[in-house]
Amino acid sequence: MKTGLTKRQKTTCIYFDESSKTVEIQTHNTALKKRLAQYAAKHPDLCRQTDDDEQGGLTFEIDRRRFAVRLTAPYSDERRQAASELAKGNTNRLRNAK
Protein backbone atom coordinates (compact mmCIF):
# COMPACT_ATOMS: atom_id res chain seq x y z
CA MET A 1 0.00 0.00 0.00
CA LYS A 2 1.45 3.36 -1.05
CA THR A 3 0.97 5.86 1.74
CA GLY A 4 3.16 8.80 0.82
CA LEU A 5 5.03 8.32 4.08
CA THR A 6 8.74 7.61 4.29
CA LYS A 7 9.96 4.55 6.15
CA ARG A 8 11.14 6.85 8.92
CA GLN A 9 7.59 8.21 9.29
CA LYS A 10 6.08 4.72 9.50
CA THR A 11 6.42 4.28 13.23
CA THR A 12 5.14 1.99 15.94
CA CYS A 13 4.18 3.71 19.17
CA ILE A 14 3.17 1.94 22.36
CA TYR A 15 1.41 3.99 25.02
CA PHE A 16 0.52 2.99 28.54
CA ASP A 17 0.82 4.32 32.06
CA GLU A 18 0.90 2.69 35.44
CA SER A 19 -2.76 3.39 36.20
CA SER A 20 -4.31 2.30 32.89
CA LYS A 21 -5.70 -1.19 32.33
CA THR A 22 -5.03 -0.99 28.59
CA VAL A 23 -2.11 -0.49 26.23
CA GLU A 24 -2.54 1.52 23.03
CA ILE A 25 -0.47 0.39 20.05
CA GLN A 26 -0.32 2.56 16.92
CA THR A 27 1.65 0.95 14.09
CA HIS A 28 2.39 0.95 10.37
CA ASN A 29 4.22 -2.39 10.63
CA THR A 30 2.38 -4.85 8.41
CA ALA A 31 3.27 -7.99 10.37
CA LEU A 32 2.28 -6.41 13.68
CA LYS A 33 -0.98 -5.07 12.23
CA LYS A 34 -1.87 -8.57 11.04
CA ARG A 35 -1.01 -10.15 14.40
CA LEU A 36 -3.04 -7.57 16.31
CA ALA A 37 -6.00 -7.84 13.93
CA GLN A 38 -6.03 -11.64 14.26
CA TYR A 39 -5.78 -11.38 18.03
CA ALA A 40 -8.60 -8.81 18.12
CA ALA A 41 -10.81 -11.07 15.98
CA LYS A 42 -10.13 -14.04 18.22
CA HIS A 43 -10.30 -12.16 21.55
CA PRO A 44 -12.56 -9.10 21.14
CA ASP A 45 -12.92 -8.80 24.91
CA LEU A 46 -9.14 -8.28 25.25
CA CYS A 47 -8.16 -6.37 22.10
CA ARG A 48 -9.87 -4.10 19.59
CA GLN A 49 -8.94 -1.85 16.71
CA THR A 50 -9.72 1.75 17.65
CA ASP A 51 -8.48 3.77 14.67
CA ASP A 52 -7.34 3.66 11.03
CA ASP A 53 -5.35 6.75 10.01
CA GLU A 54 -6.03 6.15 6.28
CA GLN A 55 -2.25 6.23 5.63
CA GLY A 56 -1.56 2.61 6.48
CA GLY A 57 -1.48 3.01 10.25
CA LEU A 58 -3.81 1.19 12.63
CA THR A 59 -4.36 1.71 16.34
CA PHE A 60 -5.30 -1.07 18.73
CA GLU A 61 -6.20 -1.13 22.39
CA ILE A 62 -5.19 -4.28 24.24
CA ASP A 63 -5.65 -5.45 27.82
CA ARG A 64 -2.46 -4.59 29.66
CA ARG A 65 -2.21 -8.08 31.18
CA ARG A 66 -1.93 -9.52 27.65
CA PHE A 67 0.94 -7.22 26.60
CA ALA A 68 4.61 -8.13 27.16
CA VAL A 69 8.01 -6.94 26.02
CA ARG A 70 10.48 -9.71 25.40
CA LEU A 71 14.20 -9.04 25.29
CA THR A 72 16.48 -11.84 24.16
CA ALA A 73 20.19 -12.10 24.83
CA PRO A 74 22.44 -12.64 21.83
CA TYR A 75 23.54 -16.22 21.16
CA SER A 76 27.06 -17.18 22.16
CA ASP A 77 29.29 -18.51 19.38
CA GLU A 78 28.94 -22.01 20.84
CA ARG A 79 25.15 -21.84 20.94
CA ARG A 80 25.00 -20.43 17.40
CA GLN A 81 27.22 -23.27 16.14
CA ALA A 82 25.12 -25.90 17.94
CA ALA A 83 21.89 -24.45 16.48
CA SER A 84 23.45 -24.43 13.01
CA GLU A 85 24.49 -28.08 13.29
CA LEU A 86 21.04 -29.05 14.55
CA ALA A 87 19.36 -27.23 11.66
CA LYS A 88 21.67 -28.86 9.12
CA GLY A 89 20.91 -32.30 10.59
CA ASN A 90 17.17 -31.69 10.44
CA THR A 91 17.40 -30.47 6.83
CA ASN A 92 19.32 -33.59 5.79
CA ARG A 93 16.83 -35.83 7.63
CA LEU A 94 13.89 -34.14 5.84
CA ARG A 95 15.58 -34.53 2.45
CA ASN A 96 16.25 -38.21 3.05
CA ALA A 97 12.64 -38.80 4.12
CA LYS A 98 11.29 -37.66 0.74
C-alpha atoms as a PDB file:
ATOM      1  CA  MET A   1       0.000   0.000   0.000  1.00  0.00           C
ATOM      2  CA  LYS A   2       1.447   3.360  -1.051  1.00  0.00           C
ATOM      3  CA  THR A   3       0.966   5.857   1.740  1.00  0.00           C
ATOM      4  CA  GLY A   4       3.158   8.798   0.817  1.00  0.00           C
ATOM      5  CA  LEU A   5       5.025   8.318   4.077  1.00  0.00           C
ATOM      6  CA  THR A   6       8.743   7.613   4.295  1.00  0.00           C
ATOM      7  CA  LYS A   7       9.955   4.548   6.152  1.00  0.00           C
ATOM      8  CA  ARG A   8      11.137   6.855   8.923  1.00  0.00           C
ATOM      9  CA  GLN A   9       7.594   8.215   9.286  1.00  0.00           C
ATOM     10  CA  LYS A  10       6.083   4.724   9.500  1.00  0.00           C
ATOM     11  CA  THR A  11       6.421   4.281  13.231  1.00  0.00           C
ATOM     12  CA  THR A  12       5.139   1.989  15.938  1.00  0.00           C
ATOM     13  CA  CYS A  13       4.177   3.713  19.175  1.00  0.00           C
ATOM     14  CA  ILE A  14       3.173   1.937  22.359  1.00  0.00           C
ATOM     15  CA  TYR A  15       1.413   3.990  25.018  1.00  0.00           C
ATOM     16  CA  PHE A  16       0.519   2.995  28.545  1.00  0.00           C
ATOM     17  CA  ASP A  17       0.821   4.322  32.057  1.00  0.00           C
ATOM     18  CA  GLU A  18       0.905   2.686  35.438  1.00  0.00           C
ATOM     19  CA  SER A  19      -2.764   3.386  36.203  1.00  0.00           C
ATOM     20  CA  SER A  20      -4.315   2.300  32.891  1.00  0.00           C
ATOM     21  CA  LYS A  21      -5.703  -1.186  32.328  1.00  0.00           C
ATOM     22  CA  THR A  22      -5.030  -0.990  28.586  1.00  0.00           C
ATOM     23  CA  VAL A  23      -2.105  -0.486  26.233  1.00  0.00           C
ATOM     24  CA  GLU A  24      -2.537   1.517  23.031  1.00  0.00           C
ATOM     25  CA  ILE A  25      -0.466   0.395  20.050  1.00  0.00           C
ATOM     26  CA  GLN A  26      -0.323   2.556  16.921  1.00  0.00           C
ATOM     27  CA  THR A  27       1.645   0.953  14.089  1.00  0.00           C
ATOM     28  CA  HIS A  28       2.387   0.954  10.370  1.00  0.00           C
ATOM     29  CA  ASN A  29       4.224  -2.389  10.630  1.00  0.00           C
ATOM     30  CA  THR A  30       2.376  -4.850   8.405  1.00  0.00           C
ATOM     31  CA  ALA A  31       3.267  -7.994  10.368  1.00  0.00           C
ATOM     32  CA  LEU A  32       2.284  -6.408  13.681  1.00  0.00           C
ATOM     33  CA  LYS A  33      -0.984  -5.065  12.235  1.00  0.00           C
ATOM     34  CA  LYS A  34      -1.868  -8.569  11.041  1.00  0.00           C
ATOM     35  CA  ARG A  35      -1.010 -10.151  14.398  1.00  0.00           C
ATOM     36  CA  LEU A  36      -3.036  -7.571  16.315  1.00  0.00           C
ATOM     37  CA  ALA A  37      -6.004  -7.841  13.927  1.00  0.00           C
ATOM     38  CA  GLN A  38      -6.031 -11.638  14.258  1.00  0.00           C
ATOM     39  CA  TYR A  39      -5.776 -11.383  18.032  1.00  0.00           C
ATOM     40  CA  ALA A  40      -8.600  -8.809  18.120  1.00  0.00           C
ATOM     41  CA  ALA A  41     -10.809 -11.066  15.984  1.00  0.00           C
ATOM     42  CA  LYS A  42     -10.129 -14.043  18.224  1.00  0.00           C
ATOM     43  CA  HIS A  43     -10.296 -12.161  21.549  1.00  0.00           C
ATOM     44  CA  PRO A  44     -12.564  -9.103  21.137  1.00  0.00           C
ATOM     45  CA  ASP A  45     -12.919  -8.802  24.913  1.00  0.00           C
ATOM     46  CA  LEU A  46      -9.141  -8.282  25.248  1.00  0.00           C
ATOM     47  CA  CYS A  47      -8.164  -6.366  22.097  1.00  0.00           C
ATOM     48  CA  ARG A  48      -9.867  -4.097  19.592  1.00  0.00           C
ATOM     49  CA  GLN A  49      -8.937  -1.850  16.711  1.00  0.00           C
ATOM     50  CA  THR A  50      -9.724   1.748  17.646  1.00  0.00           C
ATOM     51  CA  ASP A  51      -8.482   3.772  14.668  1.00  0.00           C
ATOM     52  CA  ASP A  52      -7.343   3.662  11.034  1.00  0.00           C
ATOM     53  CA  ASP A  53      -5.354   6.747  10.013  1.00  0.00           C
ATOM     54  CA  GLU A  54      -6.031   6.149   6.279  1.00  0.00           C
ATOM     55  CA  GLN A  55      -2.253   6.229   5.633  1.00  0.00           C
ATOM     56  CA  GLY A  56      -1.563   2.612   6.484  1.00  0.00           C
ATOM     57  CA  GLY A  57      -1.483   3.013  10.253  1.00  0.00           C
ATOM     58  CA  LEU A  58      -3.807   1.194  12.634  1.00  0.00           C
ATOM     59  CA  THR A  59      -4.356   1.714  16.340  1.00  0.00           C
ATOM     60  CA  PHE A  60      -5.299  -1.069  18.733  1.00  0.00           C
ATOM     61  CA  GLU A  61      -6.202  -1.127  22.393  1.00  0.00           C
ATOM     62  CA  ILE A  62      -5.188  -4.276  24.243  1.00  0.00           C
ATOM     63  CA  ASP A  63      -5.648  -5.450  27.816  1.00  0.00           C
ATOM     64  CA  ARG A  64      -2.458  -4.594  29.657  1.00  0.00           C
ATOM     65  CA  ARG A  65      -2.214  -8.076  31.183  1.00  0.00           C
ATOM     66  CA  ARG A  66      -1.930  -9.515  27.648  1.00  0.00           C
ATOM     67  CA  PHE A  67       0.938  -7.224  26.605  1.00  0.00           C
ATOM     68  CA  ALA A  68       4.613  -8.126  27.161  1.00  0.00           C
ATOM     69  CA  VAL A  69       8.010  -6.936  26.019  1.00  0.00           C
ATOM     70  CA  ARG A  70      10.484  -9.710  25.405  1.00  0.00           C
ATOM     71  CA  LEU A  71      14.203  -9.039  25.286  1.00  0.00           C
ATOM     72  CA  THR A  72      16.480 -11.843  24.162  1.00  0.00           C
ATOM     73  CA  ALA A  73      20.189 -12.097  24.827  1.00  0.00           C
ATOM     74  CA  PRO A  74      22.444 -12.639  21.832  1.00  0.00           C
ATOM     75  CA  TYR A  75      23.543 -16.221  21.160  1.00  0.00           C
ATOM     76  CA  SER A  76      27.062 -17.182  22.163  1.00  0.00           C
ATOM     77  CA  ASP A  77      29.292 -18.512  19.379  1.00  0.00           C
ATOM     78  CA  GLU A  78      28.937 -22.008  20.840  1.00  0.00           C
ATOM     79  CA  ARG A  79      25.149 -21.837  20.945  1.00  0.00           C
ATOM     80  CA  ARG A  80      25.001 -20.432  17.395  1.00  0.00           C
ATOM     81  CA  GLN A  81      27.224 -23.268  16.137  1.00  0.00           C
ATOM     82  CA  ALA A  82      25.118 -25.901  17.937  1.00  0.00           C
ATOM     83  CA  ALA A  83      21.893 -24.449  16.479  1.00  0.00           C
ATOM     84  CA  SER A  84      23.453 -24.429  13.008  1.00  0.00           C
ATOM     85  CA  GLU A  85      24.487 -28.079  13.289  1.00  0.00           C
ATOM     86  CA  LEU A  86      21.041 -29.053  14.548  1.00  0.00           C
ATOM     87  CA  ALA A  87      19.356 -27.230  11.658  1.00  0.00           C
ATOM     88  CA  LYS A  88      21.673 -28.864   9.124  1.00  0.00           C
ATOM     89  CA  GLY A  89      20.915 -32.297  10.593  1.00  0.00           C
ATOM     90  CA  ASN A  90      17.170 -31.687  10.444  1.00  0.00           C
ATOM     91  CA  THR A  91      17.403 -30.470   6.831  1.00  0.00           C
ATOM     92  CA  ASN A  92      19.319 -33.587   5.788  1.00  0.00           C
ATOM     93  CA  ARG A  93      16.833 -35.830   7.629  1.00  0.00           C
ATOM     94  CA  LEU A  94      13.892 -34.138   5.841  1.00  0.00           C
ATOM     95  CA  ARG A  95      15.583 -34.525   2.445  1.00  0.00           C
ATOM     96  CA  ASN A  96      16.253 -38.213   3.052  1.00  0.00           C
ATOM     97  CA  ALA A  97      12.641 -38.800   4.119  1.00  0.00           C
ATOM     98  CA  LYS A  98      11.295 -37.664   0.735  1.00  0.00           C
END
